[in-house]
Amino acid sequence: MMKETTILPAIRSHVGDWTFYVTTLSFNDVERLIKAPDEVHERMKLSDWIQREAIETHADAIAKYIQENEQRFLGSLIIGVYDGRPDWAPLHVNYAVNALDATEEQQKILEGKLGLLRLSGEEKLFPIDGQHRVAGIKTALSNSSTDSYLNSEEVSAIFVSHDASTIRGRQRTRRLFTTVNKKAKRVSTAANIALDEDNGFAVVTRQFIDDHWLFEDDRKHISYTSTGSINPADESAITSVVGLYEIVRDLYPSKNKSSFERQRPSDEDINLHLITCIKFLNSLLDKVPEYIDVFINKKYPASYYRKVTSNHLLFRPIGQRAFARSLQVLNVRGRSIEDAVNALLEVDMYLSNPNWHYILWDPISNTMITNKLLLAETQLLTLAGEAPRNKLSGKKLKELLSKSPHETR
């Protein structure tokens, strides 16, 4: 089938190391040409999750605005282009009749700026900024008749080229996404994890998901939700993307977290922390009998160890974080990951044990306690025969235990 060619009026310009084209698109063009960013990541479920993070929350509201407000106006879209580059044909302005009295200097500046942008139809276009507007436009059109006046409504657009064939090209576009959105509004934790190229923990989390067999799409062991919790109906997940990000962050030395998070670390530092995270997970998969039951022997679903009668610390996001933080403390003290895991696994991990009551588990209401992470870490270290992270942590744990209903601990 012959691809449809699109020709657009445009202004060609540049900023930093980006060349971009400013043009205008009809709503029909937006519907026809702009797709979701499905080639930014390796795992398809990670890609699907990114799309949801980008568009779900505001699409209906924008569609309603477009349909109901006569004085509607939408800000410019920033559009990434991959699988091809737009053909640019500059127009020469004839100043034989200089109606605007443009000076020679002004004429020189304008030379080569104005032109036509040709899309062959082979390109793939996706929104870097303006995901909500694109979704809102599409929703408004889907709610209207095929000959609706909305088809010819227009929105301004800025096109930037994107190279999806290389890791560097995908990184460059993800960085542009988060840079643009950070300036516009606060980016959610989930969106940052999905796209931030400067936050080392986000980079490691994505690579962790892409590289480790446990997170392969068909296994369904990672939940693509926008929170750190796991849906009670989810039988297979051991963590969520946000939960994994928190673990990746917990495994990093506390005093150096901010620098790793705020400015992209070197590839070597990223790789070193990724190796630490993989070693941590592999050690659990090798040494935790319940993990072997679920992930290796497939004897039970992951949800089995979240039941009241078989409630295991390492199948709960808050428990996983307490374990990761405790291991990080021991790692800083010179213990290897394997030795630290062995030491911590000497502790009874079942939350029915009174040692976890009123710290991670409420035995009265039979519900998880999720706001005592530091105390859970301190209790785990203490039960393993190790000193707490600091004296204050130990003091707070003693205060809590002294106030809790009496139980044999």
Protein backbone atom coordinates (compact mmCIF):
# COMPACT_ATOMS: atom_id res chain seq x y z
CA MET A 1 0.00 0.00 0.00
CA MET A 2 1.35 3.42 -1.00
CA LYS A 3 2.20 5.63 1.93
CA GLU A 4 0.51 9.04 1.97
CA THR A 5 2.88 11.99 1.59
CA THR A 6 2.30 15.01 3.83
CA ILE A 7 3.70 18.47 3.04
CA LEU A 8 3.71 21.08 5.78
CA PRO A 9 4.76 24.75 5.93
CA ALA A 10 7.59 25.10 8.43
CA ILE A 11 10.31 27.21 9.99
CA ARG A 12 13.69 25.52 10.42
CA SER A 13 15.72 26.45 13.50
CA HIS A 14 18.10 25.10 16.10
CA VAL A 15 18.91 25.22 19.79
CA GLY A 16 21.88 23.51 21.45
CA ASP A 17 22.55 20.36 19.41
CA TRP A 18 18.92 19.97 18.25
CA THR A 19 17.65 20.98 14.79
CA PHE A 20 13.90 21.41 14.84
CA TYR A 21 11.04 22.42 12.57
CA VAL A 22 8.09 24.54 13.68
CA THR A 23 4.92 23.77 11.76
CA THR A 24 1.19 23.33 12.12
CA LEU A 25 -0.92 20.16 12.06
CA SER A 26 -4.65 19.76 11.57
CA PHE A 27 -6.45 17.67 14.18
CA ASN A 28 -6.94 15.10 11.41
CA ASP A 29 -3.14 15.07 10.87
CA VAL A 30 -2.63 14.50 14.60
CA GLU A 31 -5.04 11.56 14.53
CA ARG A 32 -3.48 10.09 11.38
CA LEU A 33 0.22 10.65 11.97
CA ILE A 34 1.09 10.70 15.67
CA LYS A 35 1.50 7.38 17.43
CA ALA A 36 2.59 6.21 20.91
CA PRO A 37 6.32 5.93 21.85
CA ASP A 38 6.48 2.16 21.45
CA GLU A 39 10.11 1.93 20.44
CA VAL A 40 11.76 3.76 23.32
CA HIS A 41 12.27 0.61 25.47
CA GLU A 42 13.09 -3.05 24.97
CA ARG A 43 10.35 -4.65 27.08
CA MET A 44 6.96 -4.08 25.46
CA LYS A 45 5.14 -3.98 28.81
CA LEU A 46 7.52 -1.25 29.96
CA SER A 47 6.65 0.64 26.76
CA ASP A 48 2.90 0.16 27.32
CA TRP A 49 3.29 1.40 30.89
CA ILE A 50 5.11 4.52 29.68
CA GLN A 51 2.22 5.29 27.32
CA ARG A 52 -0.29 5.01 30.17
CA GLU A 53 1.86 7.23 32.37
CA ALA A 54 2.00 9.77 29.61
CA ILE A 55 -1.64 10.11 28.55
CA GLU A 56 -4.34 8.49 30.69
CA THR A 57 -4.89 11.09 33.36
CA HIS A 58 -5.93 14.15 31.32
CA ALA A 59 -7.14 12.97 27.88
CA ASP A 60 -10.87 13.07 28.66
CA ALA A 61 -10.66 16.52 30.26
CA ILE A 62 -8.85 17.97 27.23
CA ALA A 63 -11.33 16.34 24.84
CA LYS A 64 -14.20 17.95 26.77
CA TYR A 65 -12.41 21.33 26.62
CA ILE A 66 -11.95 21.03 22.83
CA GLN A 67 -15.58 20.08 22.26
CA GLU A 68 -17.25 22.56 24.60
CA ASN A 69 -15.16 25.76 24.43
CA GLU A 70 -15.47 28.04 21.41
CA GLN A 71 -12.38 29.98 22.48
CA ARG A 72 -10.27 26.83 22.78
CA PHE A 73 -6.51 27.00 22.36
CA LEU A 74 -3.84 24.31 22.73
CA GLY A 75 -0.11 24.78 23.29
CA SER A 76 2.47 23.45 20.86
CA LEU A 77 3.23 19.75 20.59
CA ILE A 78 6.83 18.55 20.51
CA ILE A 79 6.99 15.60 18.13
CA GLY A 80 9.79 13.06 17.87
CA VAL A 81 10.52 11.60 14.44
CA TYR A 82 12.12 8.18 13.94
CA ASP A 83 12.49 5.63 11.14
CA GLY A 84 13.34 8.42 8.74
CA ARG A 85 14.02 12.12 8.61
CA PRO A 86 11.66 14.75 7.18
CA ASP A 87 12.77 16.19 3.82
CA TRP A 88 13.33 19.92 4.07
CA ALA A 89 12.95 22.26 1.10
CA PRO A 90 13.89 25.87 1.91
CA LEU A 91 11.96 28.62 0.13
CA HIS A 92 13.69 31.64 -1.30
CA VAL A 93 12.01 34.93 -0.40
CA ASN A 94 11.97 37.42 -3.29
CA TYR A 95 12.48 40.91 -1.93
CA ALA A 96 11.91 42.62 -5.30
CA VAL A 97 8.89 44.17 -3.64
CA ASN A 98 10.05 44.77 -0.07
CA ALA A 99 6.66 45.59 1.45
CA LEU A 100 7.98 44.98 4.98
CA ASP A 101 11.09 47.13 4.51
CA ALA A 102 13.34 44.25 5.66
CA THR A 103 16.97 45.29 6.05
CA GLU A 104 19.80 43.34 4.41
CA GLU A 105 20.72 41.88 7.81
CA GLN A 106 17.12 40.76 8.43
CA GLN A 107 16.94 39.22 4.97
CA LYS A 108 20.16 37.30 5.63
CA ILE A 109 18.85 35.94 8.96
CA LEU A 110 15.64 34.74 7.29
CA GLU A 111 17.44 33.01 4.42
CA GLY A 112 16.90 29.26 4.62
CA LYS A 113 14.58 29.53 7.62
CA LEU A 114 11.25 29.29 5.80
CA GLY A 115 10.34 26.21 3.79
CA LEU A 116 8.30 23.08 3.30
CA LEU A 117 8.58 19.91 5.32
CA ARG A 118 7.82 16.67 3.50
CA LEU A 119 6.86 13.48 5.34
CA SER A 120 6.99 10.39 3.13
CA GLY A 121 4.66 8.35 5.32
CA GLU A 122 7.49 6.01 6.37
CA GLU A 123 8.31 8.09 9.44
CA LYS A 124 6.91 7.31 12.86
CA LEU A 125 5.90 10.31 14.94
CA PHE A 126 5.39 10.27 18.70
CA PRO A 127 4.74 13.02 21.26
CA ILE A 128 7.72 14.04 23.39
CA ASP A 129 5.68 16.82 25.00
CA GLY A 130 1.93 17.15 24.58
CA GLN A 131 0.87 13.54 25.14
CA HIS A 132 -2.28 14.69 26.96
CA ARG A 133 -3.19 17.08 24.13
CA VAL A 134 -2.64 14.43 21.46
CA ALA A 135 -4.82 11.97 23.39
CA GLY A 136 -7.44 14.67 23.99
CA ILE A 137 -7.55 15.58 20.29
CA LYS A 138 -7.97 11.92 19.31
CA THR A 139 -10.71 11.40 21.90
CA ALA A 140 -12.55 14.53 20.71
CA LEU A 141 -12.40 13.32 17.09
CA SER A 142 -13.62 9.85 18.06
CA ASN A 143 -16.62 11.49 19.76
CA SER A 144 -17.44 13.57 16.65
CA SER A 145 -18.81 12.81 13.19
CA THR A 146 -16.43 12.04 10.33
CA ASP A 147 -17.14 15.41 8.66
CA SER A 148 -16.80 17.38 11.89
CA TYR A 149 -15.34 20.89 11.81
CA LEU A 150 -12.80 19.61 14.36
CA ASN A 151 -10.93 17.70 11.63
CA SER A 152 -9.59 20.94 10.18
CA GLU A 153 -8.77 22.63 13.50
CA GLU A 154 -5.04 23.15 13.90
CA VAL A 155 -2.35 22.97 16.56
CA SER A 156 1.25 24.13 16.29
CA ALA A 157 3.95 21.47 16.42
CA ILE A 158 7.70 21.27 16.77
CA PHE A 159 9.40 18.33 15.05
CA VAL A 160 12.73 16.93 16.30
CA SER A 161 14.55 13.97 14.78
CA HIS A 162 14.91 10.84 16.90
CA ASP A 163 17.30 7.94 16.28
CA ALA A 164 15.62 4.80 17.67
CA SER A 165 18.22 2.48 16.15
CA THR A 166 20.87 3.23 18.78
CA ILE A 167 20.97 3.25 22.59
CA ARG A 168 22.34 6.80 22.48
CA GLY A 169 19.47 7.92 20.26
CA ARG A 170 16.83 6.53 22.63
CA GLN A 171 18.62 8.06 25.64
CA ARG A 172 18.72 11.44 23.90
CA THR A 173 14.99 11.44 23.27
CA ARG A 174 14.08 10.22 26.78
CA ARG A 175 16.24 13.00 28.22
CA LEU A 176 14.47 15.56 26.06
CA PHE A 177 11.11 14.24 27.33
CA THR A 178 12.00 14.65 30.99
CA THR A 179 13.82 17.97 30.45
CA VAL A 180 10.79 19.46 28.72
CA ASN A 181 8.32 18.07 31.25
CA LYS A 182 10.36 19.03 34.30
CA LYS A 183 10.18 22.64 33.13
CA ALA A 184 6.44 22.40 32.52
CA LYS A 185 5.19 20.65 35.66
CA ARG A 186 6.24 18.20 38.31
CA VAL A 187 6.87 14.82 36.70
CA SER A 188 5.45 11.83 38.55
CA THR A 189 7.78 9.26 40.09
CA ALA A 190 6.50 6.68 37.63
CA ALA A 191 7.13 8.90 34.59
CA ASN A 192 10.61 9.75 35.86
CA ILE A 193 11.47 6.07 36.24
CA ALA A 194 10.17 5.42 32.75
CA LEU A 195 12.06 8.17 30.97
CA ASP A 196 14.63 10.06 33.06
CA GLU A 197 18.14 9.71 31.62
CA ASP A 198 19.86 11.80 34.33
CA ASN A 199 18.55 9.96 37.40
CA GLY A 200 20.96 7.03 37.77
CA PHE A 201 18.45 4.99 39.76
CA ALA A 202 15.85 5.30 36.98
CA VAL A 203 18.44 4.23 34.40
CA VAL A 204 19.49 1.21 36.48
CA THR A 205 15.86 0.22 37.10
CA ARG A 206 15.05 0.17 33.39
CA GLN A 207 18.19 -1.79 32.57
CA PHE A 208 17.41 -4.19 35.42
CA ILE A 209 13.97 -4.85 33.94
CA ASP A 210 15.36 -5.21 30.42
CA ASP A 211 18.24 -7.51 31.40
CA HIS A 212 16.96 -9.89 34.08
CA TRP A 213 15.01 -13.01 33.15
CA LEU A 214 12.68 -12.63 36.12
CA PHE A 215 11.11 -9.53 34.52
CA GLU A 216 10.45 -11.00 31.09
CA ASP A 217 6.97 -9.97 29.96
CA ASP A 218 5.44 -13.44 29.78
CA ARG A 219 6.43 -14.26 33.37
CA LYS A 220 4.30 -11.38 34.75
CA HIS A 221 6.45 -11.05 37.87
CA ILE A 222 6.63 -7.26 37.70
CA SER A 223 3.58 -5.03 37.93
CA TYR A 224 3.36 -1.98 35.65
CA THR A 225 1.33 0.18 37.97
CA SER A 226 2.02 3.74 39.04
CA THR A 227 2.57 2.92 42.72
CA GLY A 228 4.90 0.80 44.78
CA SER A 229 2.13 -1.54 45.93
CA ILE A 230 0.94 -4.80 44.35
CA ASN A 231 -2.73 -5.27 43.52
CA PRO A 232 -4.20 -7.92 45.88
CA ALA A 233 -5.69 -9.66 42.83
CA ASP A 234 -2.29 -9.96 41.14
CA GLU A 235 -1.13 -13.55 41.65
CA SER A 236 2.21 -13.40 39.81
CA ALA A 237 3.93 -10.10 40.64
CA ILE A 238 6.74 -9.95 43.17
CA THR A 239 7.20 -6.17 42.79
CA SER A 240 6.13 -3.17 40.72
CA VAL A 241 8.32 -0.86 38.63
CA VAL A 242 8.09 1.81 41.35
CA GLY A 243 8.79 -0.80 44.03
CA LEU A 244 11.84 -2.06 42.13
CA TYR A 245 13.08 1.51 41.75
CA GLU A 246 12.88 1.96 45.53
CA ILE A 247 14.89 -1.24 46.06
CA VAL A 248 17.49 -0.12 43.52
CA ARG A 249 17.74 3.15 45.43
CA ASP A 250 17.84 1.41 48.84
CA LEU A 251 20.79 -0.73 47.78
CA TYR A 252 22.93 2.34 47.09
CA PRO A 253 25.06 3.90 49.89
CA SER A 254 23.02 6.58 51.65
CA LYS A 255 25.58 9.36 51.66
CA ASN A 256 26.02 9.26 47.86
CA LYS A 257 22.38 8.94 46.80
CA SER A 258 21.77 12.56 45.81
CA SER A 259 24.64 12.79 43.33
CA PHE A 260 23.67 9.49 41.68
CA GLU A 261 20.09 10.73 41.40
CA ARG A 262 20.52 14.32 40.23
CA GLN A 263 23.19 14.13 37.56
CA ARG A 264 23.67 11.16 35.26
CA PRO A 265 26.51 9.00 36.64
CA SER A 266 29.17 7.54 34.38
CA ASP A 267 28.32 4.39 32.45
CA GLU A 268 30.82 2.56 34.66
CA ASP A 269 29.07 3.66 37.86
CA ILE A 270 25.66 2.75 36.42
CA ASN A 271 26.93 -0.68 35.43
CA LEU A 272 28.52 -1.27 38.85
CA HIS A 273 25.26 -0.55 40.64
CA LEU A 274 23.31 -2.65 38.16
CA ILE A 275 25.66 -5.56 38.93
CA THR A 276 25.03 -5.03 42.66
CA CYS A 277 21.27 -5.15 42.10
CA ILE A 278 21.48 -8.26 39.93
CA LYS A 279 23.72 -10.01 42.48
CA PHE A 280 21.23 -9.12 45.21
CA LEU A 281 18.27 -10.56 43.31
CA ASN A 282 20.19 -13.65 42.15
CA SER A 283 21.30 -14.33 45.70
CA LEU A 284 17.68 -14.25 46.89
CA LEU A 285 16.63 -16.52 44.02
CA ASP A 286 19.36 -18.97 45.05
CA LYS A 287 18.90 -18.90 48.83
CA VAL A 288 15.26 -18.15 49.69
CA PRO A 289 13.29 -21.43 49.67
CA GLU A 290 10.03 -19.63 49.01
CA TYR A 291 11.53 -17.82 45.98
CA ILE A 292 12.69 -21.18 44.65
CA ASP A 293 9.17 -22.54 45.17
CA VAL A 294 7.61 -19.70 43.17
CA PHE A 295 10.12 -18.69 40.52
CA ILE A 296 12.17 -21.82 39.86
CA ASN A 297 9.93 -24.80 40.67
CA LYS A 298 6.66 -22.90 40.03
CA LYS A 299 5.09 -24.75 42.96
CA TYR A 300 3.02 -21.75 44.11
CA PRO A 301 2.06 -18.35 42.69
CA ALA A 302 3.69 -15.34 44.34
CA SER A 303 0.36 -14.43 45.93
CA TYR A 304 0.49 -17.62 48.03
CA TYR A 305 3.13 -15.98 50.25
CA ARG A 306 1.01 -12.88 50.75
CA LYS A 307 -1.81 -14.78 52.46
CA VAL A 308 -2.41 -14.26 56.17
CA THR A 309 -1.43 -17.88 56.86
CA SER A 310 1.77 -17.76 54.79
CA ASN A 311 2.71 -14.09 54.89
CA HIS A 312 6.38 -13.71 53.93
CA LEU A 313 8.43 -10.56 54.35
CA LEU A 314 10.18 -10.94 50.98
CA PHE A 315 6.89 -11.06 49.09
CA ARG A 316 5.80 -7.70 50.47
CA PRO A 317 7.18 -4.44 48.94
CA ILE A 318 7.80 -2.87 52.36
CA GLY A 319 9.55 -6.06 53.56
CA GLN A 320 11.71 -6.18 50.43
CA ARG A 321 12.79 -2.60 51.07
CA ALA A 322 13.63 -3.35 54.72
CA PHE A 323 15.73 -6.32 53.57
CA ALA A 324 17.50 -4.29 50.86
CA ARG A 325 18.25 -1.44 53.27
CA SER A 326 19.59 -3.87 55.88
CA LEU A 327 21.80 -5.52 53.30
CA GLN A 328 23.11 -2.12 52.20
CA VAL A 329 24.13 -1.39 55.81
CA LEU A 330 26.03 -4.68 56.04
CA ASN A 331 27.56 -4.16 52.60
CA VAL A 332 28.96 -0.79 53.67
CA ARG A 333 30.40 -2.51 56.75
CA GLY A 334 32.39 -4.81 54.49
CA ARG A 335 30.13 -7.83 54.14
CA SER A 336 29.68 -9.29 50.67
CA ILE A 337 26.19 -9.46 49.23
CA GLU A 338 26.14 -13.25 49.64
CA ASP A 339 27.33 -13.09 53.28
CA ALA A 340 24.84 -10.34 54.09
CA VAL A 341 21.95 -12.28 52.55
CA ASN A 342 22.96 -15.40 54.51
CA ALA A 343 23.09 -13.43 57.77
CA LEU A 344 19.70 -11.80 57.26
CA LEU A 345 18.03 -15.03 56.20
CA GLU A 346 18.79 -16.48 59.63
CA VAL A 347 15.84 -14.37 60.78
CA ASP A 348 12.29 -15.78 60.62
CA MET A 349 10.78 -14.02 57.58
CA TYR A 350 7.16 -14.94 58.25
CA LEU A 351 5.14 -11.98 59.45
CA SER A 352 3.06 -14.19 61.72
CA ASN A 353 6.11 -14.25 64.00
CA PRO A 354 5.51 -11.84 66.92
CA ASN A 355 8.85 -10.14 66.13
CA TRP A 356 7.09 -8.40 63.22
CA HIS A 357 3.89 -7.49 65.02
CA TYR A 358 3.20 -3.74 65.16
CA ILE A 359 6.23 -3.17 62.92
CA LEU A 360 5.17 -4.75 59.62
CA TRP A 361 2.02 -6.59 60.64
CA ASP A 362 -1.03 -5.61 62.69
CA PRO A 363 -2.24 -8.87 64.30
CA ILE A 364 -5.54 -7.30 65.35
CA SER A 365 -6.75 -6.12 61.93
CA ASN A 366 -4.60 -8.61 59.98
CA THR A 367 -3.23 -5.85 57.76
CA MET A 368 0.21 -4.71 56.65
CA ILE A 369 1.91 -1.74 58.30
CA THR A 370 3.73 0.26 55.63
CA ASN A 371 4.88 3.41 57.41
CA LYS A 372 7.60 1.95 59.65
CA LEU A 373 10.32 1.15 57.11
CA LEU A 374 13.22 2.36 59.26
CA LEU A 375 11.98 0.38 62.26
CA ALA A 376 11.56 -2.74 60.12
CA GLU A 377 15.15 -2.37 58.91
CA THR A 378 16.38 -1.90 62.47
CA GLN A 379 14.43 -4.93 63.72
CA LEU A 380 15.81 -7.11 60.92
CA LEU A 381 19.39 -6.07 61.65
CA THR A 382 18.87 -6.58 65.39
CA LEU A 383 17.33 -10.04 64.97
CA ALA A 384 20.27 -10.98 62.72
CA GLY A 385 22.66 -10.08 65.55
CA GLU A 386 23.86 -6.90 63.83
CA ALA A 387 24.00 -3.33 65.12
CA PRO A 388 21.36 -0.91 63.81
CA ARG A 389 22.26 1.69 61.19
CA ASN A 390 22.76 4.21 64.01
CA LYS A 391 21.98 4.68 67.71
CA LEU A 392 18.86 6.74 67.06
CA SER A 393 17.32 3.91 65.02
CA GLY A 394 17.94 1.46 67.88
CA LYS A 395 16.42 3.88 70.37
CA LYS A 396 13.24 4.33 68.31
CA LEU A 397 12.81 0.57 67.96
CA LYS A 398 13.09 0.08 71.72
CA GLU A 399 10.49 2.82 72.29
CA LEU A 400 8.06 1.15 69.89
CA LEU A 401 8.51 -2.29 71.40
CA SER A 402 8.02 -0.95 74.90
CA LYS A 403 4.67 0.60 73.89
CA SER A 404 3.37 -2.40 71.88
CA PRO A 405 0.97 -4.90 73.48
CA HIS A 406 2.96 -7.56 75.33
CA GLU A 407 3.88 -10.56 73.25
CA THR A 408 6.68 -13.07 73.38
CA ARG A 409 9.36 -11.73 71.15
